[in-house]
Amino acid sequence: DVVFQQVPVRTNSAGLRGGELSAEKPQGTKRILGLGDSIMFGWGVKEEESYLRVSEEILRERGVQVETINCAVPGYNTTMEVTRLKKRCLRYDPDVIVLHFVNNDFDVPYFMLKPASPW
C-alpha cells in the first residue's frame, strides 16, 4: 500500500490493484477482468473511481452479480498485457476480458526507451 500522486494505491499478493482475491469464482458471479495500462489501472484516481470499478457498481445497481479484477499495469503495452494475462490473470476464470487499447500500445513501453540527450 502506497500513496501515489496523492491517491492511495494498494495491490494484492498477486500484484493486482485491489484487495485479495480467491481464484475460485463465487457461485453465480460473473467476473470481468480488465487488461491494459495506466488508464485501465486507474492512474491518479482512487481504486473505486477507476472505470472498471465504476462499471462494476453500475452493473450491481442493475442486479448483475459481478466482480471486476484489475490486471492492468501502468506502462505496459499489449504484448506485455497478454503475457500477464496468461501468467497471472487467467487463473481467476474471467467470463469477460476488457482490453483497454491506446495508440502507444504499438510502441515499446516508455520505460524501455533511451532518454533523449539534454544537449
N, C-alpha and C. Protein backbone atom coordinates (compact mmCIF):
# COMPACT_ATOMS: atom_id res chain seq x y z
N ASP A 1 0.84 -1.18 0.00
CA ASP A 1 0.00 0.00 0.00
C ASP A 1 0.88 1.24 0.00
N VAL A 2 0.61 2.14 -0.93
CA VAL A 2 1.38 3.38 -1.04
C VAL A 2 0.42 4.53 -1.37
N VAL A 3 0.95 5.73 -1.28
CA VAL A 3 0.23 6.90 -1.78
C VAL A 3 1.02 7.38 -2.98
N PHE A 4 0.36 7.45 -4.13
CA PHE A 4 1.00 7.87 -5.37
C PHE A 4 0.14 8.96 -5.99
N GLN A 5 0.74 10.09 -6.30
CA GLN A 5 0.02 11.25 -6.83
C GLN A 5 -1.15 11.62 -5.92
N GLN A 6 -0.90 11.56 -4.63
CA GLN A 6 -1.87 11.91 -3.58
C GLN A 6 -3.09 10.99 -3.55
N VAL A 7 -2.93 9.79 -4.10
CA VAL A 7 -4.02 8.82 -4.13
C VAL A 7 -3.53 7.51 -3.53
N PRO A 8 -4.31 6.90 -2.62
CA PRO A 8 -3.90 5.60 -2.09
C PRO A 8 -3.97 4.52 -3.18
N VAL A 9 -2.92 3.71 -3.25
CA VAL A 9 -2.88 2.61 -4.21
C VAL A 9 -2.49 1.36 -3.44
N ARG A 10 -3.31 0.32 -3.58
CA ARG A 10 -2.97 -0.95 -2.94
C ARG A 10 -2.94 -2.04 -4.00
N THR A 11 -2.04 -2.97 -3.79
CA THR A 11 -2.00 -4.16 -4.65
C THR A 11 -2.05 -5.38 -3.75
N ASN A 12 -2.55 -6.47 -4.30
CA ASN A 12 -2.66 -7.69 -3.51
C ASN A 12 -1.42 -8.56 -3.71
N SER A 13 -1.43 -9.74 -3.14
CA SER A 13 -0.26 -10.62 -3.21
C SER A 13 0.04 -11.10 -4.63
N ALA A 14 -0.93 -10.98 -5.54
CA ALA A 14 -0.70 -11.36 -6.95
C ALA A 14 -0.22 -10.17 -7.77
N GLY A 15 -0.08 -9.01 -7.14
CA GLY A 15 0.38 -7.82 -7.84
C GLY A 15 -0.72 -7.09 -8.59
N LEU A 16 -1.97 -7.39 -8.29
CA LEU A 16 -3.10 -6.76 -8.95
C LEU A 16 -3.64 -5.62 -8.08
N ARG A 17 -4.15 -4.58 -8.70
CA ARG A 17 -4.70 -3.47 -7.93
C ARG A 17 -5.95 -3.93 -7.20
N GLY A 18 -5.98 -3.69 -5.90
CA GLY A 18 -7.15 -4.05 -5.10
C GLY A 18 -6.79 -5.02 -4.00
N GLY A 19 -7.84 -5.52 -3.36
CA GLY A 19 -7.66 -6.46 -2.26
C GLY A 19 -7.42 -7.87 -2.74
N GLU A 20 -7.27 -8.75 -1.77
CA GLU A 20 -7.02 -10.16 -2.08
C GLU A 20 -8.22 -10.79 -2.79
N LEU A 21 -7.92 -11.73 -3.68
CA LEU A 21 -8.94 -12.42 -4.46
C LEU A 21 -8.78 -13.92 -4.32
N SER A 22 -9.88 -14.60 -4.38
CA SER A 22 -9.85 -16.05 -4.46
C SER A 22 -9.85 -16.45 -5.93
N ALA A 23 -9.02 -17.43 -6.27
CA ALA A 23 -9.04 -17.91 -7.65
C ALA A 23 -10.37 -18.57 -7.96
N GLU A 24 -11.03 -19.10 -6.93
CA GLU A 24 -12.33 -19.74 -7.11
C GLU A 24 -13.41 -18.67 -7.20
N LYS A 25 -14.14 -18.70 -8.30
CA LYS A 25 -15.19 -17.72 -8.53
C LYS A 25 -16.41 -18.04 -7.67
N PRO A 26 -16.97 -17.03 -6.99
CA PRO A 26 -18.18 -17.28 -6.20
C PRO A 26 -19.33 -17.76 -7.09
N GLN A 27 -20.12 -18.66 -6.57
CA GLN A 27 -21.27 -19.23 -7.29
C GLN A 27 -22.17 -18.11 -7.81
N GLY A 28 -22.52 -18.18 -9.10
CA GLY A 28 -23.45 -17.23 -9.69
C GLY A 28 -22.87 -15.86 -10.02
N THR A 29 -21.58 -15.69 -9.80
CA THR A 29 -20.93 -14.40 -10.06
C THR A 29 -20.25 -14.42 -11.43
N LYS A 30 -20.42 -13.34 -12.14
CA LYS A 30 -19.70 -13.14 -13.41
C LYS A 30 -18.46 -12.33 -13.09
N ARG A 31 -17.36 -12.70 -13.69
CA ARG A 31 -16.10 -11.98 -13.49
C ARG A 31 -15.71 -11.24 -14.75
N ILE A 32 -15.41 -9.96 -14.56
CA ILE A 32 -14.89 -9.13 -15.64
C ILE A 32 -13.45 -8.79 -15.30
N LEU A 33 -12.56 -9.12 -16.19
CA LEU A 33 -11.15 -8.88 -15.97
C LEU A 33 -10.69 -7.74 -16.86
N GLY A 34 -10.07 -6.74 -16.26
CA GLY A 34 -9.57 -5.60 -17.01
C GLY A 34 -8.09 -5.75 -17.30
N LEU A 35 -7.73 -5.56 -18.55
CA LEU A 35 -6.35 -5.69 -19.00
C LEU A 35 -5.98 -4.42 -19.74
N GLY A 36 -4.87 -3.82 -19.36
CA GLY A 36 -4.48 -2.59 -20.02
C GLY A 36 -3.31 -1.93 -19.32
N ASP A 37 -3.17 -0.64 -19.56
CA ASP A 37 -2.06 0.11 -18.99
C ASP A 37 -2.56 1.06 -17.90
N SER A 38 -1.96 2.23 -17.80
CA SER A 38 -2.27 3.15 -16.71
C SER A 38 -3.72 3.62 -16.71
N ILE A 39 -4.34 3.71 -17.87
CA ILE A 39 -5.73 4.17 -17.92
C ILE A 39 -6.64 3.13 -17.28
N MET A 40 -6.49 1.87 -17.66
CA MET A 40 -7.29 0.81 -17.04
C MET A 40 -6.95 0.67 -15.57
N PHE A 41 -5.69 0.82 -15.21
CA PHE A 41 -5.25 0.70 -13.83
C PHE A 41 -5.93 1.74 -12.94
N GLY A 42 -6.18 2.90 -13.52
CA GLY A 42 -6.76 3.98 -12.73
C GLY A 42 -5.70 4.93 -12.20
N TRP A 43 -4.74 5.25 -13.04
CA TRP A 43 -3.62 6.13 -12.69
C TRP A 43 -4.16 7.46 -12.18
N GLY A 44 -3.81 7.79 -10.96
CA GLY A 44 -4.17 9.09 -10.41
C GLY A 44 -5.56 9.18 -9.81
N VAL A 45 -6.30 8.06 -9.79
CA VAL A 45 -7.63 8.07 -9.17
C VAL A 45 -7.71 6.96 -8.12
N LYS A 46 -8.60 7.14 -7.18
CA LYS A 46 -8.82 6.11 -6.17
C LYS A 46 -9.33 4.83 -6.83
N GLU A 47 -9.06 3.73 -6.19
CA GLU A 47 -9.46 2.42 -6.72
C GLU A 47 -10.93 2.39 -7.12
N GLU A 48 -11.79 2.90 -6.27
CA GLU A 48 -13.23 2.87 -6.54
C GLU A 48 -13.65 3.85 -7.64
N GLU A 49 -12.72 4.73 -8.06
CA GLU A 49 -13.01 5.67 -9.14
C GLU A 49 -12.51 5.20 -10.50
N SER A 50 -11.78 4.09 -10.53
CA SER A 50 -11.31 3.56 -11.82
C SER A 50 -12.54 3.13 -12.63
N TYR A 51 -12.44 3.25 -13.94
CA TYR A 51 -13.65 2.98 -14.72
C TYR A 51 -14.08 1.52 -14.65
N LEU A 52 -13.17 0.63 -14.36
CA LEU A 52 -13.53 -0.78 -14.19
C LEU A 52 -14.42 -0.95 -12.95
N ARG A 53 -14.03 -0.33 -11.85
CA ARG A 53 -14.84 -0.42 -10.62
C ARG A 53 -16.15 0.34 -10.74
N VAL A 54 -16.14 1.48 -11.44
CA VAL A 54 -17.39 2.21 -11.67
C VAL A 54 -18.35 1.34 -12.47
N SER A 55 -17.83 0.64 -13.47
CA SER A 55 -18.65 -0.28 -14.27
C SER A 55 -19.24 -1.38 -13.41
N GLU A 56 -18.43 -1.90 -12.49
CA GLU A 56 -18.92 -2.94 -11.57
C GLU A 56 -20.09 -2.41 -10.74
N GLU A 57 -19.96 -1.22 -10.21
CA GLU A 57 -21.02 -0.64 -9.38
C GLU A 57 -22.30 -0.41 -10.19
N ILE A 58 -22.17 0.05 -11.42
CA ILE A 58 -23.34 0.26 -12.27
C ILE A 58 -24.05 -1.06 -12.55
N LEU A 59 -23.28 -2.10 -12.85
CA LEU A 59 -23.87 -3.42 -13.11
C LEU A 59 -24.54 -3.97 -11.86
N ARG A 60 -23.93 -3.80 -10.70
CA ARG A 60 -24.54 -4.28 -9.46
C ARG A 60 -25.85 -3.55 -9.16
N GLU A 61 -25.88 -2.24 -9.42
CA GLU A 61 -27.11 -1.47 -9.22
C GLU A 61 -28.23 -1.98 -10.11
N ARG A 62 -27.86 -2.60 -11.23
CA ARG A 62 -28.84 -3.15 -12.17
C ARG A 62 -29.13 -4.62 -11.92
N GLY A 63 -28.62 -5.14 -10.80
CA GLY A 63 -28.94 -6.50 -10.39
C GLY A 63 -28.01 -7.58 -10.90
N VAL A 64 -26.90 -7.23 -11.50
CA VAL A 64 -25.95 -8.22 -12.01
C VAL A 64 -24.97 -8.56 -10.90
N GLN A 65 -24.83 -9.83 -10.61
CA GLN A 65 -23.85 -10.29 -9.62
C GLN A 65 -22.51 -10.38 -10.33
N VAL A 66 -21.65 -9.38 -10.09
CA VAL A 66 -20.43 -9.25 -10.86
C VAL A 66 -19.26 -8.88 -9.95
N GLU A 67 -18.08 -9.27 -10.39
CA GLU A 67 -16.84 -8.93 -9.69
C GLU A 67 -15.84 -8.52 -10.76
N THR A 68 -15.16 -7.38 -10.56
CA THR A 68 -14.14 -6.97 -11.52
C THR A 68 -12.77 -7.23 -10.93
N ILE A 69 -11.84 -7.55 -11.82
CA ILE A 69 -10.46 -7.82 -11.43
C ILE A 69 -9.58 -6.95 -12.31
N ASN A 70 -8.78 -6.12 -11.67
CA ASN A 70 -7.94 -5.17 -12.39
C ASN A 70 -6.53 -5.76 -12.56
N CYS A 71 -6.24 -6.21 -13.78
CA CYS A 71 -4.93 -6.79 -14.10
C CYS A 71 -4.03 -5.80 -14.84
N ALA A 72 -4.42 -4.55 -14.88
CA ALA A 72 -3.67 -3.54 -15.63
C ALA A 72 -2.38 -3.17 -14.92
N VAL A 73 -1.40 -2.74 -15.73
CA VAL A 73 -0.11 -2.28 -15.21
C VAL A 73 0.29 -1.02 -15.96
N PRO A 74 0.50 0.09 -15.25
CA PRO A 74 0.94 1.31 -15.91
C PRO A 74 2.23 1.06 -16.71
N GLY A 75 2.25 1.58 -17.94
CA GLY A 75 3.45 1.47 -18.77
C GLY A 75 3.51 0.23 -19.65
N TYR A 76 2.60 -0.71 -19.46
CA TYR A 76 2.64 -1.92 -20.27
C TYR A 76 2.07 -1.66 -21.66
N ASN A 77 2.54 -2.47 -22.63
CA ASN A 77 1.94 -2.46 -23.96
C ASN A 77 1.16 -3.77 -24.12
N THR A 78 0.52 -3.94 -25.27
CA THR A 78 -0.37 -5.08 -25.45
C THR A 78 0.35 -6.42 -25.33
N THR A 79 1.56 -6.53 -25.84
CA THR A 79 2.31 -7.78 -25.74
C THR A 79 2.54 -8.14 -24.27
N MET A 80 2.93 -7.17 -23.48
CA MET A 80 3.18 -7.41 -22.05
C MET A 80 1.88 -7.75 -21.33
N GLU A 81 0.79 -7.10 -21.72
CA GLU A 81 -0.50 -7.34 -21.08
C GLU A 81 -0.98 -8.77 -21.33
N VAL A 82 -0.78 -9.25 -22.56
CA VAL A 82 -1.19 -10.63 -22.87
C VAL A 82 -0.36 -11.63 -22.07
N THR A 83 0.91 -11.36 -21.94
CA THR A 83 1.76 -12.24 -21.13
C THR A 83 1.28 -12.25 -19.68
N ARG A 84 0.96 -11.08 -19.15
CA ARG A 84 0.43 -11.00 -17.78
C ARG A 84 -0.88 -11.78 -17.66
N LEU A 85 -1.73 -11.64 -18.67
CA LEU A 85 -3.00 -12.37 -18.68
C LEU A 85 -2.75 -13.87 -18.54
N LYS A 86 -1.84 -14.38 -19.36
CA LYS A 86 -1.57 -15.82 -19.35
C LYS A 86 -0.93 -16.29 -18.04
N LYS A 87 0.02 -15.51 -17.52
CA LYS A 87 0.78 -15.95 -16.35
C LYS A 87 0.10 -15.68 -15.01
N ARG A 88 -0.70 -14.61 -14.93
CA ARG A 88 -1.23 -14.22 -13.63
C ARG A 88 -2.74 -14.11 -13.55
N CYS A 89 -3.41 -13.90 -14.65
CA CYS A 89 -4.81 -13.49 -14.55
C CYS A 89 -5.84 -14.52 -14.99
N LEU A 90 -5.50 -15.43 -15.88
CA LEU A 90 -6.48 -16.42 -16.32
C LEU A 90 -6.92 -17.34 -15.19
N ARG A 91 -6.09 -17.47 -14.17
CA ARG A 91 -6.44 -18.34 -13.02
C ARG A 91 -7.73 -17.89 -12.32
N TYR A 92 -8.14 -16.64 -12.57
CA TYR A 92 -9.36 -16.11 -11.93
C TYR A 92 -10.62 -16.43 -12.72
N ASP A 93 -10.49 -17.20 -13.79
CA ASP A 93 -11.62 -17.70 -14.56
C ASP A 93 -12.58 -16.59 -14.99
N PRO A 94 -12.07 -15.58 -15.74
CA PRO A 94 -12.95 -14.48 -16.14
C PRO A 94 -14.01 -14.92 -17.15
N ASP A 95 -15.17 -14.30 -17.06
CA ASP A 95 -16.23 -14.51 -18.06
C ASP A 95 -16.07 -13.53 -19.21
N VAL A 96 -15.54 -12.36 -18.90
CA VAL A 96 -15.33 -11.30 -19.89
C VAL A 96 -13.95 -10.70 -19.64
N ILE A 97 -13.23 -10.42 -20.72
CA ILE A 97 -11.95 -9.71 -20.62
C ILE A 97 -12.10 -8.41 -21.38
N VAL A 98 -11.86 -7.31 -20.69
CA VAL A 98 -11.91 -5.99 -21.31
C VAL A 98 -10.47 -5.55 -21.54
N LEU A 99 -10.10 -5.35 -22.79
CA LEU A 99 -8.76 -4.89 -23.14
C LEU A 99 -8.83 -3.41 -23.46
N HIS A 100 -8.13 -2.62 -22.67
CA HIS A 100 -8.06 -1.18 -22.95
C HIS A 100 -6.84 -0.96 -23.84
N PHE A 101 -7.10 -0.49 -25.04
CA PHE A 101 -6.04 -0.30 -26.02
C PHE A 101 -5.93 1.17 -26.36
N VAL A 102 -4.71 1.70 -26.36
CA VAL A 102 -4.45 3.06 -26.82
C VAL A 102 -3.34 3.00 -27.86
N ASN A 103 -3.20 4.06 -28.64
CA ASN A 103 -2.25 4.05 -29.76
C ASN A 103 -0.82 3.73 -29.35
N ASN A 104 -0.38 4.16 -28.18
CA ASN A 104 1.01 3.88 -27.81
C ASN A 104 1.24 2.41 -27.47
N ASP A 105 0.20 1.59 -27.47
CA ASP A 105 0.39 0.16 -27.24
C ASP A 105 1.12 -0.52 -28.39
N PHE A 106 1.22 0.14 -29.54
CA PHE A 106 2.01 -0.38 -30.65
C PHE A 106 3.50 -0.18 -30.40
N ASP A 107 3.83 0.74 -29.51
CA ASP A 107 5.22 1.13 -29.28
C ASP A 107 5.88 0.31 -28.17
N VAL A 108 7.19 0.49 -28.09
CA VAL A 108 7.94 -0.05 -26.96
C VAL A 108 7.52 0.76 -25.73
N PRO A 109 7.34 0.15 -24.57
CA PRO A 109 6.95 0.91 -23.37
C PRO A 109 7.94 2.04 -23.08
N TYR A 110 7.43 3.15 -22.58
CA TYR A 110 8.25 4.32 -22.32
C TYR A 110 9.46 4.03 -21.44
N PHE A 111 9.29 3.15 -20.44
CA PHE A 111 10.40 2.90 -19.53
C PHE A 111 11.54 2.14 -20.19
N MET A 112 11.34 1.64 -21.42
CA MET A 112 12.39 0.94 -22.14
C MET A 112 13.09 1.84 -23.17
N LEU A 113 12.55 3.04 -23.39
CA LEU A 113 13.14 3.93 -24.38
C LEU A 113 14.37 4.63 -23.82
N LYS A 114 15.33 4.87 -24.68
CA LYS A 114 16.53 5.61 -24.28
C LYS A 114 16.16 7.08 -24.13
N PRO A 115 16.48 7.69 -22.99
CA PRO A 115 16.13 9.10 -22.82
C PRO A 115 16.82 9.97 -23.87
N ALA A 116 16.15 11.05 -24.27
CA ALA A 116 16.73 11.98 -25.23
C ALA A 116 17.88 12.72 -24.55
N SER A 117 18.90 13.06 -25.32
CA SER A 117 20.03 13.79 -24.80
C SER A 117 19.62 15.20 -24.39
N PRO A 118 20.01 15.64 -23.20
CA PRO A 118 19.66 17.00 -22.78
C PRO A 118 20.47 18.05 -23.53
N TRP A 119 21.46 17.64 -24.31
CA TRP A 119 22.32 18.57 -25.05
C TRP A 119 21.82 18.69 -26.43
